[in-house]
Amino acid sequence: MLMDEYFGAMKGVLEKVERTQREAVLEASAEIAERLARGGAWHIMDTGHMLMFEGVGRTGGMMAVKPIRITCEIQNPVRHRPAPARGIVGYDTIPGFADYVLGRANVLPDDVIMIGSVSGYQYFPVDLALKANEMGCATVAVTSVEYSGHLTGKHPSGKRLFEACTYCLDNCTNYGDTLVDVPALGQRICPASGISASYLMWAVQSTVVEKLLEKGLKPSVYISNHMPDAARINGEALENYEKYGF
């Protein structure tokens, strides 16, 4: 069954993550813990489908992890008129937009930015990483090195995300990010990157918690709102985060 093929292939990806990414997780986590202890902040900017939701505000997750959310809404109640096609221009193609995002997000030199992009070759995430590095931030890529290796970077530097960041966490998915071949469809199905990125995120968070505790610091962690006395416990933890930043 295709389900069993998926189960086996997904387990293989996670096993590869455990086998190959342990040192990268330890190194990135030590940097994050050190910067949090010094008053830095931990930001996530994800162009994919997982980290901005899975890694933020979850029970058992650190309150220090904050998402940089980008929205762009254009409103104009003008009547409908035919207009020539202009193509679609996204923020990821606008030179200088990374500088704007870093400023508006109140990113400071001692902060950490975790940047997620599976393909890792688009202009914006690479530019964001390079500009953050110039500021003195630590940057952590969550990407597919194999996938990026098949693509040409769109940034003028020629770099892809895994080459632009201080640390790289490889989600270990393949070129195309699909696990199960379906000959009847003529294509493959079932991506791995979301689950493997989540796997890496929680590996990092658990290690950052451990590193902070080794420093004698107690990180603020959410508990489920459905647990007894959750409002008080989360409220006290939030006060601790607002005071110390972790």
C-alpha atoms as a PDB file:
ATOM      1  CA  MET A   1       0.000   0.000   0.000  1.00  0.00           C
ATOM      2  CA  LEU A   2       1.106   3.567  -0.652  1.00  0.00           C
ATOM      3  CA  MET A   3       0.511   4.336   3.009  1.00  0.00           C
ATOM      4  CA  ASP A   4       3.095   1.753   4.028  1.00  0.00           C
ATOM      5  CA  GLU A   5       5.565   3.078   1.478  1.00  0.00           C
ATOM      6  CA  TYR A   6       5.085   6.541   2.975  1.00  0.00           C
ATOM      7  CA  PHE A   7       5.511   5.297   6.555  1.00  0.00           C
ATOM      8  CA  GLY A   8       8.762   3.560   5.638  1.00  0.00           C
ATOM      9  CA  ALA A   9      10.148   6.481   3.636  1.00  0.00           C
ATOM     10  CA  MET A  10       9.233   9.067   6.289  1.00  0.00           C
ATOM     11  CA  LYS A  11      10.904   6.991   8.991  1.00  0.00           C
ATOM     12  CA  GLY A  12      13.980   6.861   6.774  1.00  0.00           C
ATOM     13  CA  VAL A  13      14.072  10.653   6.547  1.00  0.00           C
ATOM     14  CA  LEU A  14      13.745  11.064  10.311  1.00  0.00           C
ATOM     15  CA  GLU A  15      16.444   8.463  10.908  1.00  0.00           C
ATOM     16  CA  LYS A  16      18.716  10.384   8.550  1.00  0.00           C
ATOM     17  CA  VAL A  17      17.970  13.592  10.466  1.00  0.00           C
ATOM     18  CA  GLU A  18      18.967  11.890  13.716  1.00  0.00           C
ATOM     19  CA  ARG A  19      22.079  10.384  12.165  1.00  0.00           C
ATOM     20  CA  THR A  20      23.383  13.458  10.347  1.00  0.00           C
ATOM     21  CA  GLN A  21      22.047  16.564  12.105  1.00  0.00           C
ATOM     22  CA  ARG A  22      22.893  15.952  15.746  1.00  0.00           C
ATOM     23  CA  GLU A  23      26.049  18.088  15.786  1.00  0.00           C
ATOM     24  CA  ALA A  24      24.350  20.892  13.863  1.00  0.00           C
ATOM     25  CA  VAL A  25      21.483  20.896  16.364  1.00  0.00           C
ATOM     26  CA  LEU A  26      23.906  21.004  19.304  1.00  0.00           C
ATOM     27  CA  GLU A  27      25.947  23.843  17.790  1.00  0.00           C
ATOM     28  CA  ALA A  28      22.944  25.970  16.813  1.00  0.00           C
ATOM     29  CA  SER A  29      21.235  25.360  20.158  1.00  0.00           C
ATOM     30  CA  ALA A  30      24.312  26.383  22.131  1.00  0.00           C
ATOM     31  CA  GLU A  31      24.450  29.646  20.168  1.00  0.00           C
ATOM     32  CA  ILE A  32      20.749  30.301  20.696  1.00  0.00           C
ATOM     33  CA  ALA A  33      20.967  29.643  24.436  1.00  0.00           C
ATOM     34  CA  GLU A  34      24.011  31.888  24.775  1.00  0.00           C
ATOM     35  CA  ARG A  35      22.321  34.744  22.959  1.00  0.00           C
ATOM     36  CA  LEU A  36      19.067  34.373  24.907  1.00  0.00           C
ATOM     37  CA  ALA A  37      21.060  34.445  28.133  1.00  0.00           C
ATOM     38  CA  ARG A  38      22.623  37.752  26.992  1.00  0.00           C
ATOM     39  CA  GLY A  39      19.230  39.314  26.278  1.00  0.00           C
ATOM     40  CA  GLY A  40      18.905  38.449  22.603  1.00  0.00           C
ATOM     41  CA  ALA A  41      15.674  37.334  20.960  1.00  0.00           C
ATOM     42  CA  TRP A  42      14.838  34.230  18.919  1.00  0.00           C
ATOM     43  CA  HIS A  43      12.899  34.912  15.705  1.00  0.00           C
ATOM     44  CA  ILE A  44      11.456  32.543  13.103  1.00  0.00           C
ATOM     45  CA  MET A  45      10.861  33.542   9.500  1.00  0.00           C
ATOM     46  CA  ASP A  46       9.496  30.659   7.448  1.00  0.00           C
ATOM     47  CA  THR A  47       8.639  30.739   3.746  1.00  0.00           C
ATOM     48  CA  GLY A  48       7.371  27.154   3.934  1.00  0.00           C
ATOM     49  CA  HIS A  49       4.465  25.460   5.646  1.00  0.00           C
ATOM     50  CA  MET A  50       5.423  24.412   9.155  1.00  0.00           C
ATOM     51  CA  LEU A  51       7.737  26.292  11.498  1.00  0.00           C
ATOM     52  CA  MET A  52       5.683  29.472  11.939  1.00  0.00           C
ATOM     53  CA  PHE A  53       2.861  27.356  13.358  1.00  0.00           C
ATOM     54  CA  GLU A  54       4.359  24.169  14.738  1.00  0.00           C
ATOM     55  CA  GLY A  55       7.227  25.879  16.533  1.00  0.00           C
ATOM     56  CA  VAL A  56       5.323  28.789  18.071  1.00  0.00           C
ATOM     57  CA  GLY A  57       2.885  28.968  20.981  1.00  0.00           C
ATOM     58  CA  ARG A  58       2.570  25.202  21.413  1.00  0.00           C
ATOM     59  CA  THR A  59       2.270  23.296  24.645  1.00  0.00           C
ATOM     60  CA  GLY A  60       5.761  22.262  25.683  1.00  0.00           C
ATOM     61  CA  GLY A  61       7.276  25.004  23.527  1.00  0.00           C
ATOM     62  CA  MET A  62       9.442  27.935  24.543  1.00  0.00           C
ATOM     63  CA  MET A  63       7.854  31.353  24.874  1.00  0.00           C
ATOM     64  CA  ALA A  64      11.061  32.882  23.549  1.00  0.00           C
ATOM     65  CA  VAL A  65      10.345  31.655  19.999  1.00  0.00           C
ATOM     66  CA  LYS A  66       8.604  34.471  18.116  1.00  0.00           C
ATOM     67  CA  PRO A  67       7.469  34.509  14.470  1.00  0.00           C
ATOM     68  CA  ILE A  68       8.122  37.290  11.985  1.00  0.00           C
ATOM     69  CA  ARG A  69       4.861  37.363  10.039  1.00  0.00           C
ATOM     70  CA  ILE A  70       4.733  39.301   6.781  1.00  0.00           C
ATOM     71  CA  THR A  71       1.454  40.377   5.224  1.00  0.00           C
ATOM     72  CA  CYS A  72       0.725  42.703   2.344  1.00  0.00           C
ATOM     73  CA  GLU A  73      -2.820  43.851   1.645  1.00  0.00           C
ATOM     74  CA  ILE A  74      -3.800  46.286  -1.091  1.00  0.00           C
ATOM     75  CA  GLN A  75      -7.270  47.833  -0.902  1.00  0.00           C
ATOM     76  CA  ASN A  76      -8.852  50.150  -3.433  1.00  0.00           C
ATOM     77  CA  PRO A  77     -12.626  50.291  -4.094  1.00  0.00           C
ATOM     78  CA  VAL A  78     -12.199  51.461  -7.682  1.00  0.00           C
ATOM     79  CA  ARG A  79     -14.664  50.039 -10.213  1.00  0.00           C
ATOM     80  CA  HIS A  80     -13.551  47.072 -12.278  1.00  0.00           C
ATOM     81  CA  ARG A  81     -11.709  48.001 -15.467  1.00  0.00           C
ATOM     82  CA  PRO A  82      -9.726  45.806 -17.843  1.00  0.00           C
ATOM     83  CA  ALA A  83      -6.030  46.127 -17.182  1.00  0.00           C
ATOM     84  CA  PRO A  84      -2.941  44.726 -18.882  1.00  0.00           C
ATOM     85  CA  ALA A  85      -1.301  41.775 -17.165  1.00  0.00           C
ATOM     86  CA  ARG A  86       1.643  42.918 -15.067  1.00  0.00           C
ATOM     87  CA  GLY A  87       2.716  39.582 -13.676  1.00  0.00           C
ATOM     88  CA  ILE A  88       2.945  38.701 -10.004  1.00  0.00           C
ATOM     89  CA  VAL A  89       5.631  40.484  -8.029  1.00  0.00           C
ATOM     90  CA  GLY A  90       6.179  39.041  -4.557  1.00  0.00           C
ATOM     91  CA  TYR A  91       8.065  40.545  -1.672  1.00  0.00           C
ATOM     92  CA  ASP A  92      10.749  37.923  -2.164  1.00  0.00           C
ATOM     93  CA  THR A  93      11.846  39.700  -5.343  1.00  0.00           C
ATOM     94  CA  ILE A  94      12.080  43.267  -4.020  1.00  0.00           C
ATOM     95  CA  PRO A  95      15.637  44.497  -3.383  1.00  0.00           C
ATOM     96  CA  GLY A  96      15.966  46.051   0.062  1.00  0.00           C
ATOM     97  CA  PHE A  97      12.879  44.347   1.474  1.00  0.00           C
ATOM     98  CA  ALA A  98      14.981  42.303   3.907  1.00  0.00           C
ATOM     99  CA  ASP A  99      16.309  45.525   5.448  1.00  0.00           C
ATOM    100  CA  TYR A 100      12.743  46.751   5.893  1.00  0.00           C
ATOM    101  CA  VAL A 101      11.669  43.490   7.532  1.00  0.00           C
ATOM    102  CA  LEU A 102      14.612  43.478   9.939  1.00  0.00           C
ATOM    103  CA  GLY A 103      13.831  47.041  10.970  1.00  0.00           C
ATOM    104  CA  ARG A 104      10.082  46.600  11.355  1.00  0.00           C
ATOM    105  CA  ALA A 105      10.551  43.324  13.253  1.00  0.00           C
ATOM    106  CA  ASN A 106      12.838  45.072  15.769  1.00  0.00           C
ATOM    107  CA  VAL A 107      15.653  42.608  15.132  1.00  0.00           C
ATOM    108  CA  LEU A 108      18.793  43.573  17.069  1.00  0.00           C
ATOM    109  CA  PRO A 109      22.430  42.546  16.602  1.00  0.00           C
ATOM    110  CA  ASP A 110      22.506  39.908  19.360  1.00  0.00           C
ATOM    111  CA  ASP A 111      19.389  38.110  18.115  1.00  0.00           C
ATOM    112  CA  VAL A 112      18.921  34.761  16.381  1.00  0.00           C
ATOM    113  CA  ILE A 113      16.845  34.318  13.223  1.00  0.00           C
ATOM    114  CA  MET A 114      15.795  30.834  12.177  1.00  0.00           C
ATOM    115  CA  ILE A 115      14.920  30.926   8.473  1.00  0.00           C
ATOM    116  CA  GLY A 116      12.938  28.131   6.863  1.00  0.00           C
ATOM    117  CA  SER A 117      12.899  27.452   3.116  1.00  0.00           C
ATOM    118  CA  VAL A 118      12.871  23.949   1.682  1.00  0.00           C
ATOM    119  CA  SER A 119      14.334  24.850  -1.706  1.00  0.00           C
ATOM    120  CA  GLY A 120      16.460  27.644  -0.237  1.00  0.00           C
ATOM    121  CA  TYR A 121      17.295  29.336  -3.537  1.00  0.00           C
ATOM    122  CA  GLN A 122      14.922  32.318  -3.640  1.00  0.00           C
ATOM    123  CA  TYR A 123      16.168  35.883  -3.263  1.00  0.00           C
ATOM    124  CA  PHE A 124      14.430  36.980  -0.060  1.00  0.00           C
ATOM    125  CA  PRO A 125      15.413  34.315   2.511  1.00  0.00           C
ATOM    126  CA  VAL A 126      19.029  34.471   1.364  1.00  0.00           C
ATOM    127  CA  ASP A 127      19.076  38.274   1.469  1.00  0.00           C
ATOM    128  CA  LEU A 128      17.471  38.199   4.914  1.00  0.00           C
ATOM    129  CA  ALA A 129      20.167  35.852   6.178  1.00  0.00           C
ATOM    130  CA  LEU A 130      23.026  37.876   4.715  1.00  0.00           C
ATOM    131  CA  LYS A 131      21.671  41.181   6.051  1.00  0.00           C
ATOM    132  CA  ALA A 132      21.086  39.648   9.486  1.00  0.00           C
ATOM    133  CA  ASN A 133      24.635  38.284   9.492  1.00  0.00           C
ATOM    134  CA  GLU A 134      25.960  41.771   8.713  1.00  0.00           C
ATOM    135  CA  MET A 135      24.058  43.095  11.737  1.00  0.00           C
ATOM    136  CA  GLY A 136      25.714  40.561  14.014  1.00  0.00           C
ATOM    137  CA  CYS A 137      22.781  38.174  14.328  1.00  0.00           C
ATOM    138  CA  ALA A 138      23.145  34.406  14.279  1.00  0.00           C
ATOM    139  CA  THR A 139      21.199  32.816  11.435  1.00  0.00           C
ATOM    140  CA  VAL A 140      19.933  29.240  11.368  1.00  0.00           C
ATOM    141  CA  ALA A 141      18.734  27.703   8.104  1.00  0.00           C
ATOM    142  CA  VAL A 142      16.134  24.942   8.070  1.00  0.00           C
ATOM    143  CA  THR A 143      16.316  23.727   4.496  1.00  0.00           C
ATOM    144  CA  SER A 144      17.007  20.792   2.185  1.00  0.00           C
ATOM    145  CA  VAL A 145      20.632  20.763   1.125  1.00  0.00           C
ATOM    146  CA  GLU A 146      19.969  18.118  -1.538  1.00  0.00           C
ATOM    147  CA  TYR A 147      17.053  20.092  -3.008  1.00  0.00           C
ATOM    148  CA  SER A 148      19.030  23.354  -3.022  1.00  0.00           C
ATOM    149  CA  GLY A 149      21.968  21.588  -4.578  1.00  0.00           C
ATOM    150  CA  HIS A 150      19.938  21.072  -7.760  1.00  0.00           C
ATOM    151  CA  LEU A 151      18.926  24.740  -8.003  1.00  0.00           C
ATOM    152  CA  THR A 152      20.680  27.959  -8.951  1.00  0.00           C
ATOM    153  CA  GLY A 153      20.460  30.670  -6.321  1.00  0.00           C
ATOM    154  CA  LYS A 154      18.532  33.800  -7.338  1.00  0.00           C
ATOM    155  CA  HIS A 155      20.467  36.100  -5.005  1.00  0.00           C
ATOM    156  CA  PRO A 156      23.208  38.180  -6.681  1.00  0.00           C
ATOM    157  CA  SER A 157      25.727  36.514  -4.361  1.00  0.00           C
ATOM    158  CA  GLY A 158      24.851  33.173  -5.909  1.00  0.00           C
ATOM    159  CA  LYS A 159      24.343  31.750  -2.439  1.00  0.00           C
ATOM    160  CA  ARG A 160      21.541  29.492  -1.357  1.00  0.00           C
ATOM    161  CA  LEU A 161      20.139  29.513   2.155  1.00  0.00           C
ATOM    162  CA  PHE A 162      22.353  26.712   3.479  1.00  0.00           C
ATOM    163  CA  GLU A 163      25.368  28.702   2.276  1.00  0.00           C
ATOM    164  CA  ALA A 164      24.147  32.057   3.632  1.00  0.00           C
ATOM    165  CA  CYS A 165      23.381  31.156   7.255  1.00  0.00           C
ATOM    166  CA  THR A 166      25.653  30.761  10.270  1.00  0.00           C
ATOM    167  CA  TYR A 167      24.204  27.312  10.933  1.00  0.00           C
ATOM    168  CA  CYS A 168      22.339  24.896   8.687  1.00  0.00           C
ATOM    169  CA  LEU A 169      19.827  22.277   9.788  1.00  0.00           C
ATOM    170  CA  ASP A 170      19.201  19.934   6.861  1.00  0.00           C
ATOM    171  CA  ASN A 171      15.666  18.545   6.807  1.00  0.00           C
ATOM    172  CA  CYS A 172      17.071  15.663   4.714  1.00  0.00           C
ATOM    173  CA  THR A 173      14.291  15.608   2.160  1.00  0.00           C
ATOM    174  CA  ASN A 174      15.053  14.955  -1.501  1.00  0.00           C
ATOM    175  CA  TYR A 175      14.968  16.979  -4.697  1.00  0.00           C
ATOM    176  CA  GLY A 176      11.280  17.689  -5.256  1.00  0.00           C
ATOM    177  CA  ASP A 177      10.403  16.887  -1.628  1.00  0.00           C
ATOM    178  CA  THR A 178       8.260  13.818  -2.293  1.00  0.00           C
ATOM    179  CA  LEU A 179       8.591  10.305  -0.938  1.00  0.00           C
ATOM    180  CA  VAL A 180       6.226   7.913  -2.716  1.00  0.00           C
ATOM    181  CA  ASP A 181       6.311   7.128  -6.410  1.00  0.00           C
ATOM    182  CA  VAL A 182       2.879   6.590  -8.011  1.00  0.00           C
ATOM    183  CA  PRO A 183       3.336   5.334 -11.596  1.00  0.00           C
ATOM    184  CA  ALA A 184      -0.397   5.617 -12.303  1.00  0.00           C
ATOM    185  CA  LEU A 185      -0.157   9.349 -11.651  1.00  0.00           C
ATOM    186  CA  GLY A 186       3.158   9.753 -13.360  1.00  0.00           C
ATOM    187  CA  GLN A 187       4.535  11.577 -10.327  1.00  0.00           C
ATOM    188  CA  ARG A 188       5.538  11.244  -6.714  1.00  0.00           C
ATOM    189  CA  ILE A 189       3.450  12.213  -3.657  1.00  0.00           C
ATOM    190  CA  CYS A 190       3.819  12.905   0.088  1.00  0.00           C
ATOM    191  CA  PRO A 191       6.329  15.604   1.108  1.00  0.00           C
ATOM    192  CA  ALA A 192       8.754  15.032   3.967  1.00  0.00           C
ATOM    193  CA  SER A 193       9.934  18.559   4.710  1.00  0.00           C
ATOM    194  CA  GLY A 194       7.147  19.631   7.066  1.00  0.00           C
ATOM    195  CA  ILE A 195       7.506  16.734   9.451  1.00  0.00           C
ATOM    196  CA  SER A 196      11.302  16.714   9.328  1.00  0.00           C
ATOM    197  CA  ALA A 197      11.457  20.483   9.925  1.00  0.00           C
ATOM    198  CA  SER A 198       9.178  20.047  12.925  1.00  0.00           C
ATOM    199  CA  TYR A 199      11.411  17.227  14.150  1.00  0.00           C
ATOM    200  CA  LEU A 200      14.424  19.514  13.944  1.00  0.00           C
ATOM    201  CA  MET A 201      12.602  22.410  15.615  1.00  0.00           C
ATOM    202  CA  TRP A 202      11.707  20.378  18.686  1.00  0.00           C
ATOM    203  CA  ALA A 203      15.190  18.898  18.822  1.00  0.00           C
ATOM    204  CA  VAL A 204      16.540  22.444  18.923  1.00  0.00           C
ATOM    205  CA  GLN A 205      14.025  23.674  21.495  1.00  0.00           C
ATOM    206  CA  SER A 206      14.700  20.744  23.815  1.00  0.00           C
ATOM    207  CA  THR A 207      18.431  21.351  23.549  1.00  0.00           C
ATOM    208  CA  VAL A 208      18.104  25.097  24.141  1.00  0.00           C
ATOM    209  CA  VAL A 209      16.060  24.358  27.275  1.00  0.00           C
ATOM    210  CA  GLU A 210      18.801  21.995  28.423  1.00  0.00           C
ATOM    211  CA  LYS A 211      21.547  24.557  27.725  1.00  0.00           C
ATOM    212  CA  LEU A 212      19.726  27.317  29.607  1.00  0.00           C
ATOM    213  CA  LEU A 213      19.163  25.057  32.608  1.00  0.00           C
ATOM    214  CA  GLU A 214      22.892  24.258  32.601  1.00  0.00           C
ATOM    215  CA  LYS A 215      23.465  28.004  32.950  1.00  0.00           C
ATOM    216  CA  GLY A 216      21.158  28.110  35.970  1.00  0.00           C
ATOM    217  CA  LEU A 217      18.406  29.837  33.948  1.00  0.00           C
ATOM    218  CA  LYS A 218      14.789  28.677  33.873  1.00  0.00           C
ATOM    219  CA  PRO A 219      13.215  29.103  30.428  1.00  0.00           C
ATOM    220  CA  SER A 220       9.524  29.942  30.087  1.00  0.00           C
ATOM    221  CA  VAL A 221       7.568  27.087  28.517  1.00  0.00           C
ATOM    222  CA  TYR A 222       3.887  26.838  27.628  1.00  0.00           C
ATOM    223  CA  ILE A 223       1.635  24.202  29.125  1.00  0.00           C
ATOM    224  CA  SER A 224      -1.658  23.236  27.525  1.00  0.00           C
ATOM    225  CA  ASN A 225      -4.541  25.575  28.318  1.00  0.00           C
ATOM    226  CA  HIS A 226      -6.547  22.454  29.184  1.00  0.00           C
ATOM    227  CA  MET A 227      -4.262  21.492  32.064  1.00  0.00           C
ATOM    228  CA  PRO A 228      -5.181  22.341  35.685  1.00  0.00           C
ATOM    229  CA  ASP A 229      -4.280  25.914  36.695  1.00  0.00           C
ATOM    230  CA  ALA A 230      -2.932  26.568  33.198  1.00  0.00           C
ATOM    231  CA  ALA A 231      -3.880  30.249  33.127  1.00  0.00           C
ATOM    232  CA  ARG A 232      -1.859  31.039  36.246  1.00  0.00           C
ATOM    233  CA  ILE A 233       1.130  28.903  35.246  1.00  0.00           C
ATOM    234  CA  ASN A 234       1.303  30.317  31.719  1.00  0.00           C
ATOM    235  CA  GLY A 235       0.761  33.816  33.060  1.00  0.00           C
ATOM    236  CA  GLU A 236       3.697  33.525  35.437  1.00  0.00           C
ATOM    237  CA  ALA A 237       5.849  32.032  32.694  1.00  0.00           C
ATOM    238  CA  LEU A 238       4.921  34.884  30.367  1.00  0.00           C
ATOM    239  CA  GLU A 239       5.922  37.418  33.024  1.00  0.00           C
ATOM    240  CA  ASN A 240       9.263  35.619  33.323  1.00  0.00           C
ATOM    241  CA  TYR A 241       9.726  35.769  29.540  1.00  0.00           C
ATOM    242  CA  GLU A 242       8.858  39.482  29.402  1.00  0.00           C
ATOM    243  CA  LYS A 243      11.373  40.183  32.150  1.00  0.00           C
ATOM    244  CA  TYR A 244      14.298  38.023  31.014  1.00  0.00           C
ATOM    245  CA  GLY A 245      13.635  37.176  27.341  1.00  0.00           C
ATOM    246  CA  PHE A 246      13.682  33.391  27.702  1.00  0.00           C
END
